[in-house]
Amino acid sequence: QVHLVESGGGLVQAGGSLRLSCVASGSTVSIDTMAWYRQAPGNQRELVARVIRRGSTTVADSVKDRFTISRDNAKNTMYLQMNSLKPEDTAVYYCNVLARNSGGVSRAYWGQGTQVTVSS
């Protein structure tokens, strides 16, 4: 019931910045938690940052001082502001949401991902 579209990825030099966006659409009654995950080649998918509906956030230690997650509930949109990017940040970044439908059933949804490549 939920469709997610990420945007904002691309190529950037080390020390640069990017802003990722994720727009959620569909018939879901309520979108609760929204999160960003990333997966580098040969690595497992890992949680980068998470934001609940009230706005409280959780950020992974590896990006805590450099990345900021936020959301606009009116637009069902989530953002990830990435500053001071490092080559180690290179990965496919995925949008993930936890939502409830009209029947009160909670389910997780994934976007297709957007590539972030940071050169040294």
PDB file of N, CA and C in Angstrom:
ATOM      1  N   GLN A   1       0.811  -1.222   0.000  1.00  0.00           N
ATOM      2  CA  GLN A   1       0.000   0.000   0.000  1.00  0.00           C
ATOM      3  C   GLN A   1       0.842   1.268   0.000  1.00  0.00           C
ATOM      4  N   VAL A   2       2.142   1.163   0.215  1.00  0.00           N
ATOM      5  CA  VAL A   2       3.023   2.320   0.279  1.00  0.00           C
ATOM      6  C   VAL A   2       4.100   2.213  -0.792  1.00  0.00           C
ATOM      7  N   HIS A   3       4.287   3.301  -1.518  1.00  0.00           N
ATOM      8  CA  HIS A   3       5.326   3.390  -2.523  1.00  0.00           C
ATOM      9  C   HIS A   3       6.334   4.436  -2.085  1.00  0.00           C
ATOM     10  N   LEU A   4       7.618   4.083  -2.110  1.00  0.00           N
ATOM     11  CA  LEU A   4       8.680   4.965  -1.663  1.00  0.00           C
ATOM     12  C   LEU A   4       9.606   5.295  -2.818  1.00  0.00           C
ATOM     13  N   VAL A   5       9.952   6.569  -2.952  1.00  0.00           N
ATOM     14  CA  VAL A   5      10.863   7.013  -3.999  1.00  0.00           C
ATOM     15  C   VAL A   5      11.968   7.853  -3.381  1.00  0.00           C
ATOM     16  N   GLU A   6      13.213   7.392  -3.525  1.00  0.00           N
ATOM     17  CA  GLU A   6      14.371   8.131  -3.037  1.00  0.00           C
ATOM     18  C   GLU A   6      14.960   8.981  -4.152  1.00  0.00           C
ATOM     19  N   SER A   7      15.608  10.068  -3.763  1.00  0.00           N
ATOM     20  CA  SER A   7      16.306  10.919  -4.713  1.00  0.00           C
ATOM     21  C   SER A   7      17.422  11.667  -3.992  1.00  0.00           C
ATOM     22  N   GLY A   8      18.327  12.246  -4.758  1.00  0.00           N
ATOM     23  CA  GLY A   8      19.384  13.066  -4.189  1.00  0.00           C
ATOM     24  C   GLY A   8      20.755  12.431  -4.185  1.00  0.00           C
ATOM     25  N   GLY A   9      20.853  11.165  -4.545  1.00  0.00           N
ATOM     26  CA  GLY A   9      22.150  10.517  -4.591  1.00  0.00           C
ATOM     27  C   GLY A   9      22.972  11.003  -5.768  1.00  0.00           C
ATOM     28  N   GLY A  10      24.247  10.636  -5.769  1.00  0.00           N
ATOM     29  CA  GLY A  10      25.125  11.039  -6.850  1.00  0.00           C
ATOM     30  C   GLY A  10      26.579  10.907  -6.486  1.00  0.00           C
ATOM     31  N   LEU A  11      27.423  11.536  -7.290  1.00  0.00           N
ATOM     32  CA  LEU A  11      28.868  11.530  -7.080  1.00  0.00           C
ATOM     33  C   LEU A  11      29.291  12.803  -6.361  1.00  0.00           C
ATOM     34  N   VAL A  12      30.160  12.662  -5.369  1.00  0.00           N
ATOM     35  CA  VAL A  12      30.644  13.818  -4.626  1.00  0.00           C
ATOM     36  C   VAL A  12      32.052  13.542  -4.115  1.00  0.00           C
ATOM     37  N   GLN A  13      32.863  14.581  -4.007  1.00  0.00           N
ATOM     38  CA  GLN A  13      34.206  14.437  -3.465  1.00  0.00           C
ATOM     39  C   GLN A  13      34.166  14.381  -1.946  1.00  0.00           C
ATOM     40  N   ALA A  14      35.176  13.757  -1.358  1.00  0.00           N
ATOM     41  CA  ALA A  14      35.274  13.706   0.094  1.00  0.00           C
ATOM     42  C   ALA A  14      35.205  15.109   0.680  1.00  0.00           C
ATOM     43  N   GLY A  15      34.427  15.240   1.750  1.00  0.00           N
ATOM     44  CA  GLY A  15      34.236  16.532   2.379  1.00  0.00           C
ATOM     45  C   GLY A  15      33.013  17.269   1.877  1.00  0.00           C
ATOM     46  N   GLY A  16      32.416  16.786   0.813  1.00  0.00           N
ATOM     47  CA  GLY A  16      31.244  17.418   0.241  1.00  0.00           C
ATOM     48  C   GLY A  16      29.964  17.026   0.951  1.00  0.00           C
ATOM     49  N   SER A  17      28.844  17.511   0.413  1.00  0.00           N
ATOM     50  CA  SER A  17      27.544  17.279   1.025  1.00  0.00           C
ATOM     51  C   SER A  17      26.520  16.813   0.001  1.00  0.00           C
ATOM     52  N   LEU A  18      25.548  16.055   0.475  1.00  0.00           N
ATOM     53  CA  LEU A  18      24.405  15.643  -0.316  1.00  0.00           C
ATOM     54  C   LEU A  18      23.174  15.649   0.575  1.00  0.00           C
ATOM     55  N   ARG A  19      22.017  15.846  -0.034  1.00  0.00           N
ATOM     56  CA  ARG A  19      20.759  15.771   0.690  1.00  0.00           C
ATOM     57  C   ARG A  19      19.853  14.765   0.006  1.00  0.00           C
ATOM     58  N   LEU A  20      19.531  13.687   0.712  1.00  0.00           N
ATOM     59  CA  LEU A  20      18.652  12.661   0.191  1.00  0.00           C
ATOM     60  C   LEU A  20      17.212  12.934   0.612  1.00  0.00           C
ATOM     61  N   SER A  21      16.278  12.585  -0.264  1.00  0.00           N
ATOM     62  CA  SER A  21      14.862  12.722   0.029  1.00  0.00           C
ATOM     63  C   SER A  21      14.156  11.406  -0.232  1.00  0.00           C
ATOM     64  N   CYS A  22      13.118  11.143   0.545  1.00  0.00           N
ATOM     65  CA  CYS A  22      12.282   9.972   0.353  1.00  0.00           C
ATOM     66  C   CYS A  22      10.828  10.404   0.472  1.00  0.00           C
ATOM     67  N   VAL A  23      10.065  10.194  -0.582  1.00  0.00           N
ATOM     68  CA  VAL A  23       8.655  10.559  -0.598  1.00  0.00           C
ATOM     69  C   VAL A  23       7.808   9.296  -0.540  1.00  0.00           C
ATOM     70  N   ALA A  24       6.898   9.240   0.425  1.00  0.00           N
ATOM     71  CA  ALA A  24       6.004   8.100   0.594  1.00  0.00           C
ATOM     72  C   ALA A  24       4.618   8.443   0.080  1.00  0.00           C
ATOM     73  N   SER A  25       4.015   7.529  -0.652  1.00  0.00           N
ATOM     74  CA  SER A  25       2.665   7.722  -1.161  1.00  0.00           C
ATOM     75  C   SER A  25       1.905   6.405  -1.117  1.00  0.00           C
ATOM     76  N   GLY A  26       0.576   6.492  -1.124  1.00  0.00           N
ATOM     77  CA  GLY A  26      -0.245   5.303  -1.099  1.00  0.00           C
ATOM     78  C   GLY A  26      -1.449   5.452  -0.197  1.00  0.00           C
ATOM     79  N   SER A  27      -2.087   4.337   0.101  1.00  0.00           N
ATOM     80  CA  SER A  27      -3.330   4.343   0.864  1.00  0.00           C
ATOM     81  C   SER A  27      -3.142   4.113   2.356  1.00  0.00           C
ATOM     82  N   THR A  28      -1.922   4.078   2.821  1.00  0.00           N
ATOM     83  CA  THR A  28      -1.637   3.836   4.234  1.00  0.00           C
ATOM     84  C   THR A  28      -2.284   4.908   5.112  1.00  0.00           C
ATOM     85  N   VAL A  29      -2.893   4.477   6.186  1.00  0.00           N
ATOM     86  CA  VAL A  29      -3.549   5.402   7.105  1.00  0.00           C
ATOM     87  C   VAL A  29      -2.539   6.236   7.866  1.00  0.00           C
ATOM     88  N   SER A  30      -1.506   5.586   8.364  1.00  0.00           N
ATOM     89  CA  SER A  30      -0.520   6.280   9.180  1.00  0.00           C
ATOM     90  C   SER A  30       0.880   5.749   8.907  1.00  0.00           C
ATOM     91  N   ILE A  31       1.795   6.664   8.642  1.00  0.00           N
ATOM     92  CA  ILE A  31       3.204   6.320   8.521  1.00  0.00           C
ATOM     93  C   ILE A  31       3.872   6.674   9.836  1.00  0.00           C
ATOM     94  N   ASP A  32       4.449   5.690  10.483  1.00  0.00           N
ATOM     95  CA  ASP A  32       5.031   5.885  11.805  1.00  0.00           C
ATOM     96  C   ASP A  32       6.532   6.167  11.696  1.00  0.00           C
ATOM     97  N   THR A  33       7.338   5.139  11.811  1.00  0.00           N
ATOM     98  CA  THR A  33       8.777   5.313  11.759  1.00  0.00           C
ATOM     99  C   THR A  33       9.274   5.386  10.316  1.00  0.00           C
ATOM    100  N   MET A  34      10.203   6.302  10.072  1.00  0.00           N
ATOM    101  CA  MET A  34      10.884   6.395   8.792  1.00  0.00           C
ATOM    102  C   MET A  34      12.381   6.284   9.069  1.00  0.00           C
ATOM    103  N   ALA A  35      13.100   5.617   8.178  1.00  0.00           N
ATOM    104  CA  ALA A  35      14.512   5.377   8.426  1.00  0.00           C
ATOM    105  C   ALA A  35      15.301   5.308   7.133  1.00  0.00           C
ATOM    106  N   TRP A  36      16.596   5.561   7.251  1.00  0.00           N
ATOM    107  CA  TRP A  36      17.540   5.382   6.163  1.00  0.00           C
ATOM    108  C   TRP A  36      18.470   4.226   6.489  1.00  0.00           C
ATOM    109  N   TYR A  37      18.633   3.318   5.540  1.00  0.00           N
ATOM    110  CA  TYR A  37      19.602   2.240   5.610  1.00  0.00           C
ATOM    111  C   TYR A  37      20.584   2.412   4.463  1.00  0.00           C
ATOM    112  N   ARG A  38      21.733   1.751   4.562  1.00  0.00           N
ATOM    113  CA  ARG A  38      22.677   1.761   3.456  1.00  0.00           C
ATOM    114  C   ARG A  38      23.352   0.410   3.333  1.00  0.00           C
ATOM    115  N   GLN A  39      23.798   0.101   2.129  1.00  0.00           N
ATOM    116  CA  GLN A  39      24.479  -1.156   1.869  1.00  0.00           C
ATOM    117  C   GLN A  39      25.601  -0.922   0.866  1.00  0.00           C
ATOM    118  N   ALA A  40      26.829  -1.162   1.305  1.00  0.00           N
ATOM    119  CA  ALA A  40      27.995  -1.061   0.441  1.00  0.00           C
ATOM    120  C   ALA A  40      28.256  -2.414  -0.206  1.00  0.00           C
ATOM    121  N   PRO A  41      28.950  -2.440  -1.344  1.00  0.00           N
ATOM    122  CA  PRO A  41      29.250  -3.711  -2.011  1.00  0.00           C
ATOM    123  C   PRO A  41      29.940  -4.696  -1.082  1.00  0.00           C
ATOM    124  N   GLY A  42      29.410  -5.904  -0.996  1.00  0.00           N
ATOM    125  CA  GLY A  42      29.984  -6.936  -0.154  1.00  0.00           C
ATOM    126  C   GLY A  42      29.628  -6.835   1.311  1.00  0.00           C
ATOM    127  N   ASN A  43      28.898  -5.797   1.698  1.00  0.00           N
ATOM    128  CA  ASN A  43      28.523  -5.594   3.097  1.00  0.00           C
ATOM    129  C   ASN A  43      27.047  -5.863   3.325  1.00  0.00           C
ATOM    130  N   GLN A  44      26.696  -6.018   4.598  1.00  0.00           N
ATOM    131  CA  GLN A  44      25.299  -6.166   4.971  1.00  0.00           C
ATOM    132  C   GLN A  44      24.629  -4.798   5.036  1.00  0.00           C
ATOM    133  N   ARG A  45      23.328  -4.786   4.877  1.00  0.00           N
ATOM    134  CA  ARG A  45      22.580  -3.548   4.998  1.00  0.00           C
ATOM    135  C   ARG A  45      22.572  -3.097   6.458  1.00  0.00           C
ATOM    136  N   GLU A  46      22.831  -1.816   6.693  1.00  0.00           N
ATOM    137  CA  GLU A  46      22.911  -1.295   8.046  1.00  0.00           C
ATOM    138  C   GLU A  46      22.038  -0.061   8.217  1.00  0.00           C
ATOM    139  N   LEU A  47      21.571   0.131   9.436  1.00  0.00           N
ATOM    140  CA  LEU A  47      20.759   1.297   9.769  1.00  0.00           C
ATOM    141  C   LEU A  47      21.652   2.527   9.887  1.00  0.00           C
ATOM    142  N   VAL A  48      21.266   3.606   9.230  1.00  0.00           N
ATOM    143  CA  VAL A  48      22.003   4.864   9.283  1.00  0.00           C
ATOM    144  C   VAL A  48      21.349   5.832  10.259  1.00  0.00           C
ATOM    145  N   ALA A  49      20.051   6.036  10.113  1.00  0.00           N
ATOM    146  CA  ALA A  49      19.332   6.977  10.963  1.00  0.00           C
ATOM    147  C   ALA A  49      17.842   6.669  10.923  1.00  0.00           C
ATOM    148  N   ARG A  50      17.150   7.070  11.985  1.00  0.00           N
ATOM    149  CA  ARG A  50      15.725   6.785  12.099  1.00  0.00           C
ATOM    150  C   ARG A  50      15.025   7.968  12.751  1.00  0.00           C
ATOM    151  N   VAL A  51      13.805   8.260  12.321  1.00  0.00           N
ATOM    152  CA  VAL A  51      13.015   9.333  12.899  1.00  0.00           C
ATOM    153  C   VAL A  51      11.578   8.864  13.083  1.00  0.00           C
ATOM    154  N   ILE A  52      11.024   9.079  14.281  1.00  0.00           N
ATOM    155  CA  ILE A  52       9.637   8.721  14.538  1.00  0.00           C
ATOM    156  C   ILE A  52       8.743   9.906  14.216  1.00  0.00           C
ATOM    157  N   ARG A  53       7.440   9.707  14.269  1.00  0.00           N
ATOM    158  CA  ARG A  53       6.497  10.721  13.835  1.00  0.00           C
ATOM    159  C   ARG A  53       6.615  12.023  14.613  1.00  0.00           C
ATOM    160  N   ARG A  54       6.878  11.946  15.910  1.00  0.00           N
ATOM    161  CA  ARG A  54       7.000  13.137  16.744  1.00  0.00           C
ATOM    162  C   ARG A  54       8.260  13.930  16.431  1.00  0.00           C
ATOM    163  N   GLY A  55       9.214  13.321  15.738  1.00  0.00           N
ATOM    164  CA  GLY A  55      10.421  14.015  15.343  1.00  0.00           C
ATOM    165  C   GLY A  55      11.693  13.576  16.031  1.00  0.00           C
ATOM    166  N   SER A  56      11.593  12.760  17.069  1.00  0.00           N
ATOM    167  CA  SER A  56      12.787  12.269  17.752  1.00  0.00           C
ATOM    168  C   SER A  56      13.604  11.398  16.809  1.00  0.00           C
ATOM    169  N   THR A  57      14.920  11.519  16.896  1.00  0.00           N
ATOM    170  CA  THR A  57      15.797  10.842  15.949  1.00  0.00           C
ATOM    171  C   THR A  57      16.823   9.957  16.626  1.00  0.00           C
ATOM    172  N   THR A  58      17.282   8.975  15.884  1.00  0.00           N
ATOM    173  CA  THR A  58      18.382   8.115  16.272  1.00  0.00           C
ATOM    174  C   THR A  58      19.334   8.037  15.093  1.00  0.00           C
ATOM    175  N   VAL A  59      20.617   8.245  15.352  1.00  0.00           N
ATOM    176  CA  VAL A  59      21.622   8.249  14.296  1.00  0.00           C
ATOM    177  C   VAL A  59      22.757   7.311  14.680  1.00  0.00           C
ATOM    178  N   ALA A  60      23.234   6.544  13.716  1.00  0.00           N
ATOM    179  CA  ALA A  60      24.341   5.634  13.961  1.00  0.00           C
ATOM    180  C   ALA A  60      25.580   6.405  14.395  1.00  0.00           C
ATOM    181  N   ASP A  61      26.376   5.803  15.274  1.00  0.00           N
ATOM    182  CA  ASP A  61      27.564   6.468  15.799  1.00  0.00           C
ATOM    183  C   ASP A  61      28.530   6.894  14.689  1.00  0.00           C
ATOM    184  N   SER A  62      28.626   6.102  13.635  1.00  0.00           N
ATOM    185  CA  SER A  62      29.571   6.380  12.568  1.00  0.00           C
ATOM    186  C   SER A  62      29.259   7.656  11.789  1.00  0.00           C
ATOM    187  N   VAL A  63      28.007   8.128  11.866  1.00  0.00           N
ATOM    188  CA  VAL A  63      27.611   9.322  11.128  1.00  0.00           C
ATOM    189  C   VAL A  63      26.989  10.377  12.029  1.00  0.00           C
ATOM    190  N   LYS A  64      27.011  10.168  13.323  1.00  0.00           N
ATOM    191  CA  LYS A  64      26.279  10.989  14.290  1.00  0.00           C
ATOM    192  C   LYS A  64      26.598  12.476  14.193  1.00  0.00           C
ATOM    193  N   ASP A  65      27.842  12.829  13.967  1.00  0.00           N
ATOM    194  CA  ASP A  65      28.254  14.229  13.934  1.00  0.00           C
ATOM    195  C   ASP A  65      28.216  14.834  12.543  1.00  0.00           C
ATOM    196  N   ARG A  66      27.822  14.046  11.554  1.00  0.00           N
ATOM    197  CA  ARG A  66      27.868  14.510  10.168  1.00  0.00           C
ATOM    198  C   ARG A  66      26.523  14.473   9.450  1.00  0.00           C
ATOM    199  N   PHE A  67      25.655  13.540   9.827  1.00  0.00           N
ATOM    200  CA  PHE A  67      24.369  13.373   9.155  1.00  0.00           C
ATOM    201  C   PHE A  67      23.229  13.845  10.043  1.00  0.00           C
ATOM    202  N   THR A  68      22.188  14.389   9.419  1.00  0.00           N
ATOM    203  CA  THR A  68      20.988  14.819  10.126  1.00  0.00           C
ATOM    204  C   THR A  68      19.756  14.280   9.413  1.00  0.00           C
ATOM    205  N   ILE A  69      18.887  13.603  10.160  1.00  0.00           N
ATOM    206  CA  ILE A  69      17.658  13.073   9.590  1.00  0.00           C
ATOM    207  C   ILE A  69      16.485  13.940  10.038  1.00  0.00           C
ATOM    208  N   SER A  70      15.502  14.118   9.162  1.00  0.00           N
ATOM    209  CA  SER A  70      14.323  14.899   9.491  1.00  0.00           C
ATOM    210  C   SER A  70      13.156  14.418   8.640  1.00  0.00           C
ATOM    211  N   ARG A  71      11.955  14.885   8.965  1.00  0.00           N
ATOM    212  CA  ARG A  71      10.775  14.500   8.196  1.00  0.00           C
ATOM    213  C   ARG A  71       9.753  15.623   8.189  1.00  0.00           C
ATOM    214  N   ASP A  72       8.951  15.643   7.147  1.00  0.00           N
ATOM    215  CA  ASP A  72       7.835  16.572   7.008  1.00  0.00           C
ATOM    216  C   ASP A  72       6.584  15.709   6.929  1.00  0.00           C
ATOM    217  N   ASN A  73       5.848  15.616   8.022  1.00  0.00           N
ATOM    218  CA  ASN A  73       4.687  14.732   8.081  1.00  0.00           C
ATOM    219  C   ASN A  73       3.582  15.138   7.106  1.00  0.00           C
ATOM    220  N   ALA A  74       3.418  16.430   6.887  1.00  0.00           N
ATOM    221  CA  ALA A  74       2.393  16.906   5.970  1.00  0.00           C
ATOM    222  C   ALA A  74       2.653  16.444   4.545  1.00  0.00           C
ATOM    223  N   LYS A  75       3.923  16.276   4.195  1.00  0.00           N
ATOM    224  CA  LYS A  75       4.308  15.862   2.854  1.00  0.00           C
ATOM    225  C   LYS A  75       4.718  14.395   2.780  1.00  0.00           C
ATOM    226  N   ASN A  76       4.682  13.698   3.916  1.00  0.00           N
ATOM    227  CA  ASN A  76       5.140  12.308   3.983  1.00  0.00           C
ATOM    228  C   ASN A  76       6.517  12.152   3.348  1.00  0.00           C
ATOM    229  N   THR A  77       7.392  13.052   3.710  1.00  0.00           N
ATOM    230  CA  THR A  77       8.724  13.092   3.134  1.00  0.00           C
ATOM    231  C   THR A  77       9.781  13.058   4.226  1.00  0.00           C
ATOM    232  N   MET A  78      10.847  12.311   3.991  1.00  0.00           N
ATOM    233  CA  MET A  78      11.973  12.204   4.909  1.00  0.00           C
ATOM    234  C   MET A  78      13.228  12.681   4.204  1.00  0.00           C
ATOM    235  N   TYR A  79      14.128  13.289   4.971  1.00  0.00           N
ATOM    236  CA  TYR A  79      15.363  13.814   4.422  1.00  0.00           C
ATOM    237  C   TYR A  79      16.568  13.287   5.196  1.00  0.00           C
ATOM    238  N   LEU A  80      17.691  13.224   4.520  1.00  0.00           N
ATOM    239  CA  LEU A  80      18.955  12.915   5.163  1.00  0.00           C
ATOM    240  C   LEU A  80      19.986  13.906   4.648  1.00  0.00           C
ATOM    241  N   GLN A  81      20.360  14.863   5.496  1.00  0.00           N
ATOM    242  CA  GLN A  81      21.395  15.820   5.155  1.00  0.00           C
ATOM    243  C   GLN A  81      22.741  15.218   5.521  1.00  0.00           C
ATOM    244  N   MET A  82      23.596  15.016   4.542  1.00  0.00           N
ATOM    245  CA  MET A  82      24.885  14.374   4.740  1.00  0.00           C
ATOM    246  C   MET A  82      25.992  15.386   4.478  1.00  0.00           C
ATOM    247  N   ASN A  83      26.744  15.710   5.511  1.00  0.00           N
ATOM    248  CA  ASN A  83      27.859  16.640   5.413  1.00  0.00           C
ATOM    249  C   ASN A  83      29.171  15.919   5.695  1.00  0.00           C
ATOM    250  N   SER A  84      30.269  16.535   5.291  1.00  0.00           N
ATOM    251  CA  SER A  84      31.608  15.978   5.515  1.00  0.00           C
ATOM    252  C   SER A  84      31.685  14.519   5.081  1.00  0.00           C
ATOM    253  N   LEU A  85      31.222  14.250   3.893  1.00  0.00           N
ATOM    254  CA  LEU A  85      31.155  12.877   3.400  1.00  0.00           C
ATOM    255  C   LEU A  85      32.542  12.265   3.253  1.00  0.00           C
ATOM    256  N   LYS A  86      32.619  10.972   3.531  1.00  0.00           N
ATOM    257  CA  LYS A  86      33.845  10.206   3.448  1.00  0.00           C
ATOM    258  C   LYS A  86      33.680   9.072   2.445  1.00  0.00           C
ATOM    259  N   PRO A  87      34.783   8.571   1.873  1.00  0.00           N
ATOM    260  CA  PRO A  87      34.676   7.427   0.960  1.00  0.00           C
ATOM    261  C   PRO A  87      33.962   6.234   1.597  1.00  0.00           C
ATOM    262  N   GLU A  88      34.095   6.066   2.902  1.00  0.00           N
ATOM    263  CA  GLU A  88      33.437   4.976   3.602  1.00  0.00           C
ATOM    264  C   GLU A  88      31.916   5.096   3.585  1.00  0.00           C
ATOM    265  N   ASP A  89      31.394   6.266   3.235  1.00  0.00           N
ATOM    266  CA  ASP A  89      29.953   6.464   3.143  1.00  0.00           C
ATOM    267  C   ASP A  89      29.382   5.964   1.820  1.00  0.00           C
ATOM    268  N   THR A  90      30.240   5.582   0.895  1.00  0.00           N
ATOM    269  CA  THR A  90      29.789   5.090  -0.399  1.00  0.00           C
ATOM    270  C   THR A  90      28.921   3.848  -0.216  1.00  0.00           C
ATOM    271  N   ALA A  91      27.707   3.902  -0.744  1.00  0.00           N
ATOM    272  CA  ALA A  91      26.759   2.802  -0.589  1.00  0.00           C
ATOM    273  C   ALA A  91      25.478   3.144  -1.338  1.00  0.00           C
ATOM    274  N   VAL A  92      24.608   2.155  -1.450  1.00  0.00           N
ATOM    275  CA  VAL A  92      23.245   2.410  -1.885  1.00  0.00           C
ATOM    276  C   VAL A  92      22.432   2.720  -0.636  1.00  0.00           C
ATOM    277  N   TYR A  93      21.746   3.843  -0.646  1.00  0.00           N
ATOM    278  CA  TYR A  93      20.957   4.271   0.495  1.00  0.00           C
ATOM    279  C   TYR A  93      19.484   3.971   0.233  1.00  0.00           C
ATOM    280  N   TYR A  94      18.855   3.304   1.198  1.00  0.00           N
ATOM    281  CA  TYR A  94      17.474   2.868   1.062  1.00  0.00           C
ATOM    282  C   TYR A  94      16.564   3.557   2.067  1.00  0.00           C
ATOM    283  N   CYS A  95      15.402   3.956   1.605  1.00  0.00           N
ATOM    284  CA  CYS A  95      14.355   4.477   2.467  1.00  0.00           C
ATOM    285  C   CYS A  95      13.517   3.319   2.994  1.00  0.00           C
ATOM    286  N   ASN A  96      13.182   3.365   4.265  1.00  0.00           N
ATOM    287  CA  ASN A  96      12.348   2.343   4.891  1.00  0.00           C
ATOM    288  C   ASN A  96      11.309   3.015   5.780  1.00  0.00           C
ATOM    289  N   VAL A  97      10.060   2.558   5.692  1.00  0.00           N
ATOM    290  CA  VAL A  97       9.010   3.109   6.547  1.00  0.00           C
ATOM    291  C   VAL A  97       8.221   1.994   7.205  1.00  0.00           C
ATOM    292  N   LEU A  98       7.742   2.281   8.397  1.00  0.00           N
ATOM    293  CA  LEU A  98       6.842   1.398   9.115  1.00  0.00           C
ATOM    294  C   LEU A  98       5.493   2.094   9.133  1.00  0.00           C
ATOM    295  N   ALA A  99       4.486   1.445   8.547  1.00  0.00           N
ATOM    296  CA  ALA A  99       3.191   2.086   8.376  1.00  0.00           C
ATOM    297  C   ALA A  99       2.046   1.152   8.738  1.00  0.00           C
ATOM    298  N   ARG A 100       0.884   1.739   9.013  1.00  0.00           N
ATOM    299  CA  ARG A 100      -0.333   1.001   9.326  1.00  0.00           C
ATOM    300  C   ARG A 100      -1.404   1.293   8.284  1.00  0.00           C
ATOM    301  N   ASN A 101      -2.106   0.245   7.856  1.00  0.00           N
ATOM    302  CA  ASN A 101      -3.188   0.434   6.901  1.00  0.00           C
ATOM    303  C   ASN A 101      -4.515   0.622   7.633  1.00  0.00           C
ATOM    304  N   SER A 102      -5.623   0.656   6.873  1.00  0.00           N
ATOM    305  CA  SER A 102      -6.940   0.890   7.457  1.00  0.00           C
ATOM    306  C   SER A 102      -7.359  -0.206   8.429  1.00  0.00           C
ATOM    307  N   GLY A 103      -6.791  -1.391   8.303  1.00  0.00           N
ATOM    308  CA  GLY A 103      -7.091  -2.483   9.204  1.00  0.00           C
ATOM    309  C   GLY A 103      -6.218  -2.521  10.440  1.00  0.00           C
ATOM    310  N   GLY A 104      -5.333  -1.556  10.569  1.00  0.00           N
ATOM    311  CA  GLY A 104      -4.460  -1.482  11.721  1.00  0.00           C
ATOM    312  C   GLY A 104      -3.247  -2.392  11.641  1.00  0.00           C
ATOM    313  N   VAL A 105      -2.990  -2.944  10.471  1.00  0.00           N
ATOM    314  CA  VAL A 105      -1.862  -3.839  10.281  1.00  0.00           C
ATOM    315  C   VAL A 105      -0.595  -3.038  10.005  1.00  0.00           C
ATOM    316  N   SER A 106       0.443  -3.313  10.770  1.00  0.00           N
ATOM    317  CA  SER A 106       1.722  -2.632  10.603  1.00  0.00           C
ATOM    318  C   SER A 106       2.613  -3.431   9.664  1.00  0.00           C
ATOM    319  N   ARG A 107       3.318  -2.716   8.789  1.00  0.00           N
ATOM    320  CA  ARG A 107       4.175  -3.365   7.805  1.00  0.00           C
ATOM    321  C   ARG A 107       5.318  -2.447   7.410  1.00  0.00           C
ATOM    322  N   ALA A 108       6.453  -3.051   7.113  1.00  0.00           N
ATOM    323  CA  ALA A 108       7.614  -2.300   6.662  1.00  0.00           C
ATOM    324  C   ALA A 108       7.677  -2.279   5.139  1.00  0.00           C
ATOM    325  N   TYR A 109       8.064  -1.128   4.586  1.00  0.00           N
ATOM    326  CA  TYR A 109       8.183  -0.957   3.142  1.00  0.00           C
ATOM    327  C   TYR A 109       9.566  -0.421   2.805  1.00  0.00           C
ATOM    328  N   TRP A 110      10.078  -0.823   1.649  1.00  0.00           N
ATOM    329  CA  TRP A 110      11.402  -0.414   1.193  1.00  0.00           C
ATOM    330  C   TRP A 110      11.341   0.315  -0.139  1.00  0.00           C
ATOM    331  N   GLY A 111      12.184   1.312  -0.295  1.00  0.00           N
ATOM    332  CA  GLY A 111      12.368   1.958  -1.580  1.00  0.00           C
ATOM    333  C   GLY A 111      13.373   1.192  -2.410  1.00  0.00           C
ATOM    334  N   GLN A 112      13.612   1.649  -3.635  1.00  0.00           N
ATOM    335  CA  GLN A 112      14.527   0.970  -4.541  1.00  0.00           C
ATOM    336  C   GLN A 112      15.984   1.346  -4.314  1.00  0.00           C
ATOM    337  N   GLY A 113      16.231   2.419  -3.588  1.00  0.00           N
ATOM    338  CA  GLY A 113      17.583   2.828  -3.264  1.00  0.00           C
ATOM    339  C   GLY A 113      18.119   3.907  -4.185  1.00  0.00           C
ATOM    340  N   THR A 114      19.058   4.685  -3.673  1.00  0.00           N
ATOM    341  CA  THR A 114      19.750   5.691  -4.463  1.00  0.00           C
ATOM    342  C   THR A 114      21.245   5.600  -4.168  1.00  0.00           C
ATOM    343  N   GLN A 115      22.060   5.634  -5.210  1.00  0.00           N
ATOM    344  CA  GLN A 115      23.498   5.435  -5.074  1.00  0.00           C
ATOM    345  C   GLN A 115      24.195   6.713  -4.616  1.00  0.00           C
ATOM    346  N   VAL A 116      25.017   6.577  -3.590  1.00  0.00           N
ATOM    347  CA  VAL A 116      25.885   7.657  -3.126  1.00  0.00           C
ATOM    348  C   VAL A 116      27.325   7.195  -3.276  1.00  0.00           C
ATOM    349  N   THR A 117      28.116   7.931  -4.042  1.00  0.00           N
ATOM    350  CA  THR A 117      29.515   7.589  -4.257  1.00  0.00           C
ATOM    351  C   THR A 117      30.391   8.768  -3.854  1.00  0.00           C
ATOM    352  N   VAL A 118      31.309   8.524  -2.925  1.00  0.00           N
ATOM    353  CA  VAL A 118      32.198   9.558  -2.415  1.00  0.00           C
ATOM    354  C   VAL A 118      33.625   9.222  -2.829  1.00  0.00           C
ATOM    355  N   SER A 119      34.250  10.091  -3.598  1.00  0.00           N
ATOM    356  CA  SER A 119      35.612   9.873  -4.058  1.00  0.00           C
ATOM    357  C   SER A 119      36.611  10.520  -3.100  1.00  0.00           C
ATOM    358  N   SER A 120      37.820   9.955  -3.043  1.00  0.00           N
ATOM    359  CA  SER A 120      38.853  10.475  -2.167  1.00  0.00           C
ATOM    360  C   SER A 120      39.553  11.665  -2.784  1.00  0.00           C
TER     361      SER A 120
END
